[in-house]
Amino acid sequence: MAQALGYVTKKDDGGYEGTLATISLKKRIRILPNSTKETDAQPDYRVYTEDRIEIGGGWNRTGKVSGNEYISLTFAAPEFGAHKVYANLGRAAGQDDDTVMAILWNPRD
């Protein structure tokens, strides 16, 4: 079952702003379009904390079954330990505002 690690709001510049929250971490974040992307291996977005520390990236993806576009996120920081955290931006439950997205983490059992 997916869990929300935070919520972001889409901005006019194509980026997102909001909060990433875990048991040990609560930070304001910005997910910004990567204007310097040169190859497919580089992220479409870069994720920064409020104090401009880069903690991840995001890639535009298309669902194999649904065909819907979404953003796949990868977070890496000492607070997460040796493993990366993988999440997706998805529609926030109970939201009527299409600009509010949840950072959805689906832990592997």
N, C-alpha and C. Protein backbone atom coordinates (compact mmCIF):
# COMPACT_ATOMS: atom_id res chain seq x y z
N MET A 1 0.84 -1.18 0.00
CA MET A 1 0.00 0.00 0.00
C MET A 1 0.88 1.24 0.00
N ALA A 2 0.60 2.16 -0.89
CA ALA A 2 1.40 3.38 -1.00
C ALA A 2 1.17 4.29 0.19
N GLN A 3 2.23 4.95 0.60
CA GLN A 3 2.17 5.90 1.71
C GLN A 3 2.63 7.26 1.19
N ALA A 4 2.00 8.32 1.66
CA ALA A 4 2.39 9.67 1.27
C ALA A 4 3.54 10.14 2.15
N LEU A 5 4.64 10.52 1.50
CA LEU A 5 5.80 11.08 2.20
C LEU A 5 5.75 12.60 2.22
N GLY A 6 4.72 13.16 1.65
CA GLY A 6 4.59 14.61 1.62
C GLY A 6 3.69 15.03 0.49
N TYR A 7 3.55 16.32 0.35
CA TYR A 7 2.68 16.89 -0.65
C TYR A 7 3.37 18.08 -1.31
N VAL A 8 3.12 18.27 -2.60
CA VAL A 8 3.66 19.40 -3.33
C VAL A 8 2.56 20.02 -4.17
N THR A 9 2.77 21.28 -4.53
CA THR A 9 1.84 22.01 -5.38
C THR A 9 2.57 22.43 -6.65
N LYS A 10 1.94 22.19 -7.79
CA LYS A 10 2.54 22.56 -9.07
C LYS A 10 2.54 24.08 -9.22
N LYS A 11 3.66 24.61 -9.68
CA LYS A 11 3.83 26.04 -9.89
C LYS A 11 3.74 26.38 -11.38
N ASP A 12 3.59 27.66 -11.68
CA ASP A 12 3.47 28.12 -13.06
C ASP A 12 4.71 27.83 -13.90
N ASP A 13 5.89 27.72 -13.27
CA ASP A 13 7.13 27.47 -14.02
C ASP A 13 7.34 25.99 -14.34
N GLY A 14 6.37 25.12 -13.99
CA GLY A 14 6.49 23.69 -14.26
C GLY A 14 7.11 22.90 -13.13
N GLY A 15 7.56 23.59 -12.09
CA GLY A 15 8.12 22.94 -10.92
C GLY A 15 7.07 22.70 -9.86
N TYR A 16 7.51 22.17 -8.73
CA TYR A 16 6.62 21.86 -7.61
C TYR A 16 7.27 22.35 -6.32
N GLU A 17 6.46 22.74 -5.36
CA GLU A 17 6.94 23.13 -4.03
C GLU A 17 6.07 22.48 -2.98
N GLY A 18 6.71 22.06 -1.88
CA GLY A 18 5.93 21.46 -0.81
C GLY A 18 6.82 20.93 0.29
N THR A 19 6.38 19.84 0.92
CA THR A 19 7.09 19.29 2.07
C THR A 19 7.32 17.80 1.88
N LEU A 20 8.54 17.36 2.20
CA LEU A 20 8.89 15.96 2.27
C LEU A 20 9.02 15.63 3.75
N ALA A 21 8.29 14.60 4.22
CA ALA A 21 8.29 14.31 5.65
C ALA A 21 8.39 12.81 5.89
N THR A 22 9.34 12.44 6.75
CA THR A 22 9.47 11.07 7.24
C THR A 22 9.53 11.17 8.76
N ILE A 23 9.76 10.05 9.42
CA ILE A 23 9.83 10.08 10.88
C ILE A 23 10.96 11.00 11.36
N SER A 24 12.10 10.97 10.66
CA SER A 24 13.27 11.73 11.12
C SER A 24 13.55 12.99 10.30
N LEU A 25 12.74 13.29 9.30
CA LEU A 25 13.04 14.40 8.40
C LEU A 25 11.76 15.12 8.02
N LYS A 26 11.79 16.43 8.10
CA LYS A 26 10.69 17.24 7.57
C LYS A 26 11.31 18.48 6.96
N LYS A 27 11.26 18.55 5.64
CA LYS A 27 11.90 19.65 4.92
C LYS A 27 10.99 20.18 3.84
N ARG A 28 11.04 21.49 3.66
CA ARG A 28 10.41 22.11 2.50
C ARG A 28 11.28 21.74 1.30
N ILE A 29 10.65 21.36 0.19
CA ILE A 29 11.40 20.99 -0.99
C ILE A 29 10.87 21.72 -2.21
N ARG A 30 11.72 21.76 -3.23
CA ARG A 30 11.35 22.27 -4.54
C ARG A 30 11.78 21.23 -5.56
N ILE A 31 10.89 20.89 -6.47
CA ILE A 31 11.19 19.99 -7.57
C ILE A 31 11.20 20.87 -8.81
N LEU A 32 12.39 21.11 -9.34
CA LEU A 32 12.56 22.09 -10.41
C LEU A 32 12.91 21.42 -11.74
N PRO A 33 12.34 21.92 -12.85
CA PRO A 33 12.72 21.39 -14.16
C PRO A 33 14.23 21.52 -14.36
N ASN A 34 14.84 20.48 -14.93
CA ASN A 34 16.28 20.47 -15.19
C ASN A 34 16.54 21.11 -16.54
N SER A 35 16.86 22.38 -16.52
CA SER A 35 17.06 23.13 -17.77
C SER A 35 18.38 22.77 -18.46
N THR A 36 19.26 22.03 -17.79
CA THR A 36 20.55 21.67 -18.39
C THR A 36 20.60 20.21 -18.83
N LYS A 37 19.46 19.53 -18.90
CA LYS A 37 19.42 18.12 -19.29
C LYS A 37 19.94 17.94 -20.71
N GLU A 38 20.89 16.99 -20.86
CA GLU A 38 21.48 16.72 -22.17
C GLU A 38 21.27 15.29 -22.64
N THR A 39 21.05 14.35 -21.70
CA THR A 39 20.86 12.94 -22.07
C THR A 39 19.67 12.37 -21.30
N ASP A 40 19.15 11.22 -21.75
CA ASP A 40 18.02 10.58 -21.08
C ASP A 40 18.39 10.08 -19.69
N ALA A 41 19.66 9.84 -19.43
CA ALA A 41 20.10 9.38 -18.12
C ALA A 41 19.99 10.48 -17.06
N GLN A 42 20.02 11.73 -17.49
CA GLN A 42 19.91 12.84 -16.56
C GLN A 42 18.44 13.07 -16.22
N PRO A 43 18.16 13.51 -14.99
CA PRO A 43 16.76 13.70 -14.59
C PRO A 43 16.09 14.87 -15.31
N ASP A 44 14.78 14.75 -15.45
CA ASP A 44 13.97 15.85 -16.01
C ASP A 44 13.75 16.93 -14.96
N TYR A 45 13.88 16.54 -13.67
CA TYR A 45 13.71 17.47 -12.55
C TYR A 45 14.84 17.22 -11.55
N ARG A 46 15.18 18.25 -10.80
CA ARG A 46 16.12 18.13 -9.70
C ARG A 46 15.37 18.52 -8.43
N VAL A 47 15.62 17.79 -7.35
CA VAL A 47 14.92 18.02 -6.09
C VAL A 47 15.88 18.66 -5.09
N TYR A 48 15.47 19.80 -4.54
CA TYR A 48 16.29 20.56 -3.60
C TYR A 48 15.53 20.78 -2.30
N THR A 49 16.27 20.82 -1.19
CA THR A 49 15.68 21.22 0.08
C THR A 49 15.58 22.74 0.10
N GLU A 50 14.93 23.24 1.13
CA GLU A 50 14.76 24.69 1.27
C GLU A 50 16.09 25.43 1.35
N ASP A 51 17.15 24.73 1.79
CA ASP A 51 18.46 25.38 1.87
C ASP A 51 19.36 25.01 0.69
N ARG A 52 18.72 24.63 -0.44
CA ARG A 52 19.37 24.42 -1.74
C ARG A 52 20.31 23.21 -1.77
N ILE A 53 20.07 22.22 -0.93
CA ILE A 53 20.83 20.97 -0.99
C ILE A 53 20.09 20.03 -1.93
N GLU A 54 20.79 19.52 -2.95
CA GLU A 54 20.16 18.61 -3.89
C GLU A 54 20.03 17.23 -3.25
N ILE A 55 18.80 16.71 -3.20
CA ILE A 55 18.57 15.40 -2.57
C ILE A 55 17.93 14.39 -3.52
N GLY A 56 17.77 14.75 -4.79
CA GLY A 56 17.17 13.77 -5.68
C GLY A 56 16.89 14.30 -7.07
N GLY A 57 16.23 13.45 -7.83
CA GLY A 57 15.87 13.79 -9.19
C GLY A 57 14.53 13.18 -9.55
N GLY A 58 13.97 13.64 -10.65
CA GLY A 58 12.69 13.13 -11.12
C GLY A 58 12.71 12.92 -12.62
N TRP A 59 12.05 11.86 -13.06
CA TRP A 59 12.00 11.51 -14.48
C TRP A 59 10.56 11.42 -14.94
N ASN A 60 10.27 11.99 -16.10
CA ASN A 60 8.95 11.86 -16.70
C ASN A 60 8.77 10.42 -17.17
N ARG A 61 7.66 9.81 -16.82
CA ARG A 61 7.37 8.43 -17.19
C ARG A 61 5.93 8.33 -17.68
N THR A 62 5.65 7.22 -18.37
CA THR A 62 4.30 6.92 -18.82
C THR A 62 3.93 5.53 -18.32
N GLY A 63 2.78 5.41 -17.67
CA GLY A 63 2.33 4.13 -17.15
C GLY A 63 2.13 3.11 -18.27
N LYS A 64 2.66 1.90 -18.08
CA LYS A 64 2.56 0.85 -19.10
C LYS A 64 1.12 0.42 -19.34
N VAL A 65 0.33 0.34 -18.30
CA VAL A 65 -1.05 -0.11 -18.43
C VAL A 65 -1.99 1.06 -18.67
N SER A 66 -1.86 2.11 -17.85
CA SER A 66 -2.81 3.23 -17.92
C SER A 66 -2.51 4.21 -19.05
N GLY A 67 -1.23 4.32 -19.40
CA GLY A 67 -0.83 5.31 -20.40
C GLY A 67 -0.75 6.72 -19.84
N ASN A 68 -0.98 6.86 -18.53
CA ASN A 68 -0.94 8.16 -17.88
C ASN A 68 0.50 8.59 -17.62
N GLU A 69 0.76 9.88 -17.77
CA GLU A 69 2.08 10.42 -17.48
C GLU A 69 2.20 10.70 -15.98
N TYR A 70 3.41 10.49 -15.46
CA TYR A 70 3.68 10.77 -14.06
C TYR A 70 5.16 11.08 -13.91
N ILE A 71 5.56 11.49 -12.71
CA ILE A 71 6.97 11.77 -12.42
C ILE A 71 7.46 10.75 -11.40
N SER A 72 8.52 10.04 -11.76
CA SER A 72 9.17 9.08 -10.88
C SER A 72 10.30 9.81 -10.16
N LEU A 73 10.32 9.74 -8.83
CA LEU A 73 11.31 10.46 -8.02
C LEU A 73 12.28 9.49 -7.35
N THR A 74 13.52 9.92 -7.22
CA THR A 74 14.53 9.20 -6.46
C THR A 74 15.15 10.18 -5.49
N PHE A 75 15.17 9.80 -4.20
CA PHE A 75 15.77 10.61 -3.15
C PHE A 75 16.98 9.89 -2.59
N ALA A 76 18.05 10.64 -2.31
CA ALA A 76 19.24 10.08 -1.67
C ALA A 76 19.80 11.14 -0.73
N ALA A 77 19.96 10.76 0.54
CA ALA A 77 20.52 11.66 1.55
C ALA A 77 20.97 10.80 2.72
N PRO A 78 21.92 11.28 3.49
CA PRO A 78 22.39 10.50 4.65
C PRO A 78 21.25 10.08 5.58
N GLU A 79 20.21 10.89 5.69
CA GLU A 79 19.09 10.57 6.55
C GLU A 79 18.36 9.30 6.12
N PHE A 80 18.50 8.92 4.84
CA PHE A 80 17.84 7.72 4.33
C PHE A 80 18.73 6.49 4.44
N GLY A 81 19.95 6.66 4.93
CA GLY A 81 20.87 5.54 5.04
C GLY A 81 21.51 5.23 3.69
N ALA A 82 21.93 3.99 3.53
CA ALA A 82 22.66 3.58 2.33
C ALA A 82 21.76 3.37 1.12
N HIS A 83 20.46 3.36 1.33
CA HIS A 83 19.53 3.07 0.24
C HIS A 83 18.85 4.34 -0.28
N LYS A 84 18.53 4.31 -1.56
CA LYS A 84 17.75 5.40 -2.14
C LYS A 84 16.27 5.15 -1.85
N VAL A 85 15.50 6.21 -1.85
CA VAL A 85 14.06 6.12 -1.67
C VAL A 85 13.42 6.45 -3.03
N TYR A 86 12.58 5.54 -3.51
CA TYR A 86 11.90 5.71 -4.78
C TYR A 86 10.44 6.03 -4.53
N ALA A 87 9.92 7.03 -5.24
CA ALA A 87 8.53 7.46 -5.07
C ALA A 87 8.00 8.00 -6.39
N ASN A 88 6.72 8.26 -6.43
CA ASN A 88 6.09 8.85 -7.61
C ASN A 88 5.23 10.02 -7.17
N LEU A 89 5.07 10.98 -8.05
CA LEU A 89 4.09 12.04 -7.80
C LEU A 89 2.75 11.53 -8.31
N GLY A 90 1.75 11.59 -7.45
CA GLY A 90 0.42 11.14 -7.83
C GLY A 90 -0.64 12.04 -7.24
N ARG A 91 -1.82 11.88 -7.71
CA ARG A 91 -2.95 12.69 -7.24
C ARG A 91 -3.13 12.49 -5.74
N ALA A 92 -3.22 13.56 -5.01
CA ALA A 92 -3.41 13.49 -3.56
C ALA A 92 -4.84 13.08 -3.26
N ALA A 93 -5.00 12.09 -2.39
CA ALA A 93 -6.33 11.58 -2.04
C ALA A 93 -7.19 12.68 -1.44
N GLY A 94 -8.43 12.75 -1.87
CA GLY A 94 -9.37 13.71 -1.32
C GLY A 94 -9.19 15.14 -1.81
N GLN A 95 -8.32 15.34 -2.79
CA GLN A 95 -8.06 16.69 -3.30
C GLN A 95 -8.88 16.97 -4.55
N ASP A 96 -9.50 18.12 -4.58
CA ASP A 96 -10.20 18.57 -5.78
C ASP A 96 -9.29 19.43 -6.65
N ASP A 97 -8.19 19.90 -6.07
CA ASP A 97 -7.23 20.77 -6.76
C ASP A 97 -6.24 19.91 -7.53
N ASP A 98 -6.26 20.00 -8.86
CA ASP A 98 -5.37 19.19 -9.70
C ASP A 98 -3.90 19.56 -9.56
N THR A 99 -3.59 20.69 -8.91
CA THR A 99 -2.19 21.09 -8.77
C THR A 99 -1.55 20.51 -7.52
N VAL A 100 -2.34 19.91 -6.63
CA VAL A 100 -1.79 19.32 -5.40
C VAL A 100 -1.49 17.85 -5.65
N MET A 101 -0.22 17.48 -5.45
CA MET A 101 0.22 16.11 -5.70
C MET A 101 0.83 15.52 -4.43
N ALA A 102 0.67 14.21 -4.26
CA ALA A 102 1.28 13.50 -3.14
C ALA A 102 2.57 12.85 -3.62
N ILE A 103 3.56 12.80 -2.74
CA ILE A 103 4.79 12.05 -2.99
C ILE A 103 4.50 10.65 -2.46
N LEU A 104 4.26 9.70 -3.35
CA LEU A 104 3.80 8.37 -2.97
C LEU A 104 4.96 7.37 -2.97
N TRP A 105 5.14 6.74 -1.82
CA TRP A 105 6.18 5.74 -1.62
C TRP A 105 5.50 4.40 -1.42
N ASN A 106 5.91 3.40 -2.20
CA ASN A 106 5.35 2.08 -2.07
C ASN A 106 6.46 1.13 -1.62
N PRO A 107 6.59 0.95 -0.28
CA PRO A 107 7.69 0.16 0.23
C PRO A 107 7.61 -1.28 -0.24
N ARG A 108 8.78 -1.86 -0.47
CA ARG A 108 8.84 -3.28 -0.83
C ARG A 108 8.77 -4.09 0.44
N ASP A 109 7.91 -5.07 0.44
CA ASP A 109 7.77 -5.93 1.63
C ASP A 109 8.82 -7.00 1.66
